[in-house]
Amino acid sequence: MSINKHWKLGAVAVSCAAIGAGASAIANAGASASASSSSNGSNAAAKHSPRAHGGRRALLRRAVDGNLVIATKGGYATVKFDRGTVKSVSGQQLTLAEGRAKQAPYKTVTLTIPTSARVRDDRHQATLADVKSGQRATVIRAPRRTVVIARTPRTP
């Protein structure tokens, strides 16, 4: 009786190994066929190519509003950013029409900028009062710091 049980167990083990080997061979054949038919080389090379990184950068350049949760030594922190065209600056209030310059605004937001914020205007240190209507701006708000980066669009 025990030999019969072991024989059945062995048969199941051999069957599983054969099925696994067959599935592995099929998967490898499919992967090599798709890699050789790919126009830009192997899949692994495509993941690490400069073009793939450029796609991520392009995605970030098109982002207009977001919340990021990042890991810190003390836990997690939320970093928020808003990007758009400056509509007005009044005291510590900055009103942005979020979106890209050549598209309709996504939404309009009014942000309260702390007095301790770092402000850059056309790559120079500035104050919030130096930021003018019509400039493109990015506001980054982190737990310990707020940064406002404004630039005057180029005229064609």
Protein backbone atom coordinates (compact mmCIF):
# COMPACT_ATOMS: atom_id res chain seq x y z
CA MET A 1 0.00 0.00 0.00
CA SER A 2 2.75 2.53 0.89
CA ILE A 3 4.62 1.82 -2.38
CA ASN A 4 1.44 2.58 -4.29
CA LYS A 5 1.07 5.93 -2.43
CA HIS A 6 4.69 6.86 -3.11
CA TRP A 7 4.36 5.89 -6.75
CA LYS A 8 1.33 8.16 -7.13
CA LEU A 9 3.14 10.99 -5.35
CA GLY A 10 6.18 10.52 -7.60
CA ALA A 11 3.98 10.51 -10.71
CA VAL A 12 2.33 13.77 -9.60
CA ALA A 13 5.74 15.34 -8.89
CA VAL A 14 7.13 14.32 -12.31
CA SER A 15 3.96 15.61 -14.02
CA CYS A 16 4.25 18.95 -12.23
CA ALA A 17 7.90 19.26 -13.18
CA ALA A 18 7.12 18.45 -16.81
CA ILE A 19 4.27 20.98 -16.93
CA GLY A 20 6.49 23.62 -15.32
CA ALA A 21 9.32 22.97 -17.78
CA GLY A 22 6.90 23.15 -20.69
CA ALA A 23 5.38 26.42 -19.45
CA SER A 24 8.86 27.86 -18.95
CA ALA A 25 9.90 26.89 -22.47
CA ILE A 26 6.76 28.44 -23.92
CA ALA A 27 7.26 31.65 -21.92
CA ASN A 28 10.91 31.93 -22.95
CA ALA A 29 10.04 31.34 -26.60
CA GLY A 30 7.38 34.06 -26.45
CA ALA A 31 9.74 36.49 -24.72
CA SER A 32 12.54 35.95 -27.22
CA ALA A 33 10.13 36.29 -30.16
CA SER A 34 8.73 39.59 -28.86
CA ALA A 35 12.21 40.89 -28.05
CA SER A 36 13.51 40.09 -31.53
CA SER A 37 10.45 41.62 -33.19
CA SER A 38 10.67 44.79 -31.09
CA SER A 39 11.78 47.81 -33.11
CA ASN A 40 13.99 49.29 -30.38
CA GLY A 41 15.83 46.24 -29.12
CA SER A 42 15.14 44.03 -26.13
CA ASN A 43 12.55 44.85 -23.47
CA ALA A 44 15.24 45.15 -20.79
CA ALA A 45 17.17 47.66 -22.88
CA ALA A 46 13.99 49.67 -23.51
CA LYS A 47 13.29 49.97 -19.79
CA HIS A 48 16.70 51.53 -19.19
CA SER A 49 17.02 53.61 -22.33
CA PRO A 50 17.24 57.40 -22.25
CA ARG A 51 13.99 57.51 -24.22
CA ALA A 52 12.15 55.75 -21.36
CA HIS A 53 13.54 58.24 -18.85
CA GLY A 54 12.62 61.11 -21.17
CA GLY A 55 9.04 59.86 -21.16
CA ARG A 56 8.92 60.11 -17.38
CA ARG A 57 10.40 63.60 -17.50
CA ALA A 58 7.86 64.64 -20.11
CA LEU A 59 5.10 63.35 -17.86
CA LEU A 60 6.41 65.45 -14.99
CA ARG A 61 6.70 68.53 -17.23
CA ARG A 62 3.02 68.18 -18.15
CA ALA A 63 1.85 67.74 -14.54
CA VAL A 64 -0.06 70.78 -13.26
CA ASP A 65 -1.33 69.72 -9.82
CA GLY A 66 -0.30 66.95 -7.48
CA ASN A 67 0.24 65.50 -4.04
CA LEU A 68 3.23 63.26 -3.38
CA VAL A 69 3.72 61.18 -0.26
CA ILE A 70 7.39 60.62 0.41
CA ALA A 71 9.15 58.48 3.00
CA THR A 72 11.23 60.41 5.54
CA LYS A 73 13.31 59.40 8.54
CA GLY A 74 10.40 60.25 10.83
CA GLY A 75 7.63 58.63 8.77
CA TYR A 76 5.85 60.06 5.77
CA ALA A 77 5.40 63.61 4.49
CA THR A 78 3.10 65.08 1.87
CA VAL A 79 4.52 67.43 -0.75
CA LYS A 80 2.03 69.38 -2.86
CA PHE A 81 2.67 71.28 -6.08
CA ASP A 82 0.67 73.59 -8.30
CA ARG A 83 1.74 74.88 -11.71
CA GLY A 84 0.14 77.47 -13.93
CA THR A 85 -0.15 81.11 -14.92
CA VAL A 86 -0.14 83.81 -12.24
CA LYS A 87 -3.45 85.67 -12.24
CA SER A 88 -2.73 87.95 -9.29
CA VAL A 89 -0.61 88.52 -6.19
CA SER A 90 -2.12 90.30 -3.23
CA GLY A 91 -0.15 90.33 0.02
CA GLN A 92 0.61 86.68 0.74
CA GLN A 93 -2.12 85.41 -1.62
CA LEU A 94 -1.06 84.02 -5.00
CA THR A 95 -3.79 83.14 -7.50
CA LEU A 96 -2.85 80.63 -10.20
CA ALA A 97 -4.78 79.43 -13.24
CA GLU A 98 -3.49 75.86 -13.19
CA GLY A 99 -2.72 74.32 -16.53
CA ARG A 100 -0.53 74.66 -19.56
CA ALA A 101 -0.06 77.97 -21.35
CA LYS A 102 -1.65 76.86 -24.64
CA GLN A 103 -4.67 75.10 -23.10
CA ALA A 104 -7.72 76.15 -21.15
CA PRO A 105 -7.03 76.30 -17.40
CA TYR A 106 -7.60 73.16 -15.38
CA LYS A 107 -8.76 75.18 -12.38
CA THR A 108 -7.99 78.42 -10.55
CA VAL A 109 -6.53 78.24 -7.05
CA THR A 110 -5.59 80.86 -4.48
CA LEU A 111 -2.65 79.84 -2.32
CA THR A 112 -1.46 81.46 0.89
CA ILE A 113 2.31 81.71 0.69
CA PRO A 114 4.14 81.93 4.03
CA THR A 115 6.54 84.82 4.56
CA SER A 116 9.39 82.33 4.97
CA ALA A 117 8.87 80.93 1.44
CA ARG A 118 11.75 80.93 -1.02
CA VAL A 119 10.80 82.86 -4.13
CA ARG A 120 12.70 82.74 -7.43
CA ASP A 121 11.79 85.06 -10.29
CA ASP A 122 13.51 84.35 -13.61
CA ARG A 123 16.25 82.42 -11.76
CA HIS A 124 16.96 85.23 -9.30
CA GLN A 125 16.13 85.46 -5.61
CA ALA A 126 12.99 87.58 -5.19
CA THR A 127 9.99 88.29 -2.99
CA LEU A 128 6.39 87.37 -3.60
CA ALA A 129 5.68 91.00 -4.54
CA ASP A 130 8.13 90.62 -7.47
CA VAL A 131 5.95 87.92 -9.05
CA LYS A 132 3.71 89.49 -11.69
CA SER A 133 0.48 88.56 -13.42
CA GLY A 134 1.06 86.56 -16.61
CA GLN A 135 4.18 84.78 -15.40
CA ARG A 136 4.34 80.99 -15.35
CA ALA A 137 4.80 79.72 -11.79
CA THR A 138 5.27 76.53 -9.83
CA VAL A 139 4.51 76.42 -6.12
CA ILE A 140 5.93 73.52 -4.10
CA ARG A 141 4.65 73.13 -0.55
CA ALA A 142 6.46 70.72 1.78
CA PRO A 143 6.10 70.38 5.56
CA ARG A 144 9.14 72.56 6.31
CA ARG A 145 9.45 74.76 3.23
CA THR A 146 7.48 76.44 0.47
CA VAL A 147 9.12 77.37 -2.82
CA VAL A 148 7.70 79.61 -5.53
CA ILE A 149 9.43 79.50 -8.91
CA ALA A 150 8.21 82.10 -11.41
CA ARG A 151 9.41 82.86 -14.90
CA THR A 152 8.42 85.30 -17.57
CA PRO A 153 7.35 83.49 -20.75
CA ARG A 154 9.40 84.11 -23.87
CA THR A 155 7.81 86.29 -26.48
CA PRO A 156 7.80 84.74 -29.97
